[in-house]
C-alpha atoms as a PDB file:
ATOM      1  CA  UNK A   1    -171.165  13.839 -11.621  1.00  0.00           C
ATOM      2  CA  UNK A   2    -174.091  11.791 -10.397  1.00  0.00           C
ATOM      3  CA  UNK A   3    -175.430  12.468  -6.968  1.00  0.00           C
ATOM      4  CA  UNK A   4    -175.867   9.291  -4.972  1.00  0.00           C
ATOM      5  CA  UNK A   5    -178.229   9.305  -2.037  1.00  0.00           C
ATOM      6  CA  UNK A   6    -178.410   6.674   0.640  1.00  0.00           C
ATOM      7  CA  UNK A   7    -181.442   4.406   0.773  1.00  0.00           C
ATOM      8  CA  UNK A   8    -182.704   6.079   3.942  1.00  0.00           C
ATOM      9  CA  UNK A   9    -183.017   9.435   2.127  1.00  0.00           C
ATOM     10  CA  UNK A  10    -185.064   7.839  -0.645  1.00  0.00           C
ATOM     11  CA  UNK A  11    -187.367   6.162   1.859  1.00  0.00           C
ATOM     12  CA  UNK A  12    -187.707   9.432   3.727  1.00  0.00           C
ATOM     13  CA  UNK A  13    -188.672  11.173   0.469  1.00  0.00           C
ATOM     14  CA  UNK A  14    -191.303   8.534  -0.312  1.00  0.00           C
ATOM     15  CA  UNK A  15    -192.638   8.698   3.248  1.00  0.00           C
ATOM     16  CA  UNK A  16    -192.866  12.489   3.044  1.00  0.00           C
ATOM     17  CA  UNK A  17    -194.771  12.294  -0.230  1.00  0.00           C
ATOM     18  CA  UNK A  18    -197.118   9.657   1.175  1.00  0.00           C
ATOM     19  CA  UNK A  19    -197.760  11.759   4.281  1.00  0.00           C
ATOM     20  CA  UNK A  20    -198.427  14.825   2.137  1.00  0.00           C
ATOM     21  CA  UNK A  21    -200.902  12.924  -0.035  1.00  0.00           C
ATOM     22  CA  UNK A  22    -202.635  11.546   3.070  1.00  0.00           C
ATOM     23  CA  UNK A  23    -202.876  15.069   4.497  1.00  0.00           C
ATOM     24  CA  UNK A  24    -204.365  16.445   1.271  1.00  0.00           C
ATOM     25  CA  UNK A  25    -206.845  13.545   1.133  1.00  0.00           C
ATOM     26  CA  UNK A  26    -207.840  14.179   4.756  1.00  0.00           C
ATOM     27  CA  UNK A  27    -208.491  17.822   3.938  1.00  0.00           C
ATOM     28  CA  UNK A  28    -210.338  17.261   0.648  1.00  0.00           C
ATOM     29  CA  UNK A  29    -212.490  14.295   1.702  1.00  0.00           C
ATOM     30  CA  UNK A  30    -214.880  16.264   3.976  1.00  0.00           C
ATOM     31  CA  UNK A  31    -215.121  19.049   1.411  1.00  0.00           C
ATOM     32  CA  UNK A  32    -216.010  16.604  -1.351  1.00  0.00           C
ATOM     33  CA  UNK A  33    -218.566  14.930   0.921  1.00  0.00           C
ATOM     34  CA  UNK A  34    -220.331  18.257   1.570  1.00  0.00           C
ATOM     35  CA  UNK A  35    -220.343  19.111  -2.118  1.00  0.00           C
ATOM     36  CA  UNK A  36    -221.634  15.684  -3.112  1.00  0.00           C
ATOM     37  CA  UNK A  37    -224.405  15.798  -0.506  1.00  0.00           C
ATOM     38  CA  UNK A  38    -225.565  19.152  -1.832  1.00  0.00           C
ATOM     39  CA  UNK A  39    -226.113  17.625  -5.294  1.00  0.00           C
ATOM     40  CA  UNK A  40    -228.126  14.621  -4.168  1.00  0.00           C
ATOM     41  CA  UNK A  41    -231.867  14.352  -4.517  1.00  0.00           C
ATOM     42  CA  UNK A  42    -233.752  13.553  -1.379  1.00  0.00           C
ATOM     43  CA  UNK A  43    -235.356  15.235   1.591  1.00  0.00           C
ATOM     44  CA  UNK A  44    -233.639  18.572   1.073  1.00  0.00           C
ATOM     45  CA  UNK A  45    -233.625  18.719  -2.725  1.00  0.00           C
ATOM     46  CA  UNK A  46    -236.812  19.564  -4.585  1.00  0.00           C
ATOM     47  CA  UNK A  47    -235.863  18.656  -8.119  1.00  0.00           C
ATOM     48  CA  UNK A  48    -232.973  18.958 -10.477  1.00  0.00           C
ATOM     49  CA  UNK A  49    -230.456  21.681 -11.082  1.00  0.00           C
ATOM     50  CA  UNK A  50    -232.157  22.740 -14.309  1.00  0.00           C
ATOM     51  CA  UNK A  51    -235.913  22.902 -14.949  1.00  0.00           C
ATOM     52  CA  UNK A  52    -237.448  20.417 -17.343  1.00  0.00           C
ATOM     53  CA  UNK A  53    -238.871  23.072 -19.692  1.00  0.00           C
ATOM     54  CA  UNK A  54    -236.882  26.295 -19.377  1.00  0.00           C
ATOM     55  CA  UNK A  55    -238.520  29.452 -20.688  1.00  0.00           C
ATOM     56  CA  UNK A  56    -237.767  33.149 -20.877  1.00  0.00           C
ATOM     57  CA  UNK A  57    -241.375  34.266 -20.486  1.00  0.00           C
ATOM     58  CA  UNK A  58    -241.309  34.621 -16.667  1.00  0.00           C
ATOM     59  CA  UNK A  59    -244.986  33.547 -16.453  1.00  0.00           C
ATOM     60  CA  UNK A  60    -246.178  36.547 -18.423  1.00  0.00           C
ATOM     61  CA  UNK A  61    -244.649  39.066 -15.997  1.00  0.00           C
ATOM     62  CA  UNK A  62    -241.654  40.320 -17.922  1.00  0.00           C
ATOM     63  CA  UNK A  63    -238.648  41.509 -15.958  1.00  0.00           C
ATOM     64  CA  UNK A  64    -238.294  45.275 -16.302  1.00  0.00           C
ATOM     65  CA  UNK A  65    -235.317  47.389 -15.408  1.00  0.00           C
ATOM     66  CA  UNK A  66    -235.561  49.766 -12.471  1.00  0.00           C
ATOM     67  CA  UNK A  67    -232.413  51.840 -12.963  1.00  0.00           C
ATOM     68  CA  UNK A  68    -231.355  53.537 -16.148  1.00  0.00           C
ATOM     69  CA  UNK A  69    -227.615  53.003 -15.998  1.00  0.00           C
ATOM     70  CA  UNK A  70    -226.989  56.013 -18.181  1.00  0.00           C
ATOM     71  CA  UNK A  71    -227.920  58.079 -15.112  1.00  0.00           C
ATOM     72  CA  UNK A  72    -225.401  56.106 -13.046  1.00  0.00           C
ATOM     73  CA  UNK A  73    -222.724  56.704 -15.690  1.00  0.00           C
ATOM     74  CA  UNK A  74    -223.619  60.417 -15.747  1.00  0.00           C
ATOM     75  CA  UNK A  75    -223.260  60.678 -11.980  1.00  0.00           C
ATOM     76  CA  UNK A  76    -219.909  58.863 -12.007  1.00  0.00           C
ATOM     77  CA  UNK A  77    -218.613  61.060 -14.813  1.00  0.00           C
ATOM     78  CA  UNK A  78    -219.759  64.239 -13.045  1.00  0.00           C
ATOM     79  CA  UNK A  79    -218.823  63.413  -9.455  1.00  0.00           C
ATOM     80  CA  UNK A  80    -215.818  61.098  -9.670  1.00  0.00           C
ATOM     81  CA  UNK A  81    -214.155  61.910 -12.968  1.00  0.00           C
ATOM     82  CA  UNK A  82    -214.905  65.626 -12.917  1.00  0.00           C
ATOM     83  CA  UNK A  83    -216.034  65.806 -16.555  1.00  0.00           C
ATOM     84  CA  UNK A  84    -219.264  67.013 -18.121  1.00  0.00           C
ATOM     85  CA  UNK A  85    -221.569  64.023 -18.565  1.00  0.00           C
ATOM     86  CA  UNK A  86    -223.800  65.816 -21.053  1.00  0.00           C
ATOM     87  CA  UNK A  87    -220.965  66.185 -23.561  1.00  0.00           C
ATOM     88  CA  UNK A  88    -219.723  62.615 -22.988  1.00  0.00           C
ATOM     89  CA  UNK A  89    -223.100  60.832 -23.171  1.00  0.00           C
ATOM     90  CA  UNK A  90    -224.728  63.163 -25.684  1.00  0.00           C
ATOM     91  CA  UNK A  91    -227.742  64.021 -23.504  1.00  0.00           C
ATOM     92  CA  UNK A  92    -228.613  64.929 -19.922  1.00  0.00           C
ATOM     93  CA  UNK A  93    -229.157  61.707 -17.929  1.00  0.00           C
ATOM     94  CA  UNK A  94    -228.419  63.164 -14.469  1.00  0.00           C
ATOM     95  CA  UNK A  95    -231.959  62.740 -13.110  1.00  0.00           C
ATOM     96  CA  UNK A  96    -232.885  59.420 -11.546  1.00  0.00           C
ATOM     97  CA  UNK A  97    -229.423  58.305 -10.486  1.00  0.00           C
ATOM     98  CA  UNK A  98    -229.294  56.305  -7.262  1.00  0.00           C
ATOM     99  CA  UNK A  99    -228.347  58.283  -4.169  1.00  0.00           C
ATOM    100  CA  UNK A 100    -225.593  55.913  -3.018  1.00  0.00           C
ATOM    101  CA  UNK A 101    -223.158  57.227  -5.600  1.00  0.00           C
END
C-alpha cells in the first residue's frame, strides 16, 4: 500500500533539507576560508610546501639518534610487564633508559 503524503509535508521536507544544507555551508565556509588562506603565498608564506631540491644530507650534519630504544624496551619489560628483559632481548640493555619510564 502506497503512502501518500500531502503537498505541505513534501514542501516541509524540502525546506528542512535546504535549511540543513545552508547550516552546513555556514559552518564549513569559514573553516574552508582559513584553510585556503593558510595555503596562499604572500606576506606570511615564505615559499612552497615542498622544497625545490629535497635532500637527505641535512647539510652535512647527519641526524643521530639520542636514545637506544632497546633500553626503553628493556625498562618496559622489566618494570611494567614483570619479565626478565635480558632473556627476552638477548642482552642487557637496561643502562641508558630514560628516567620518565
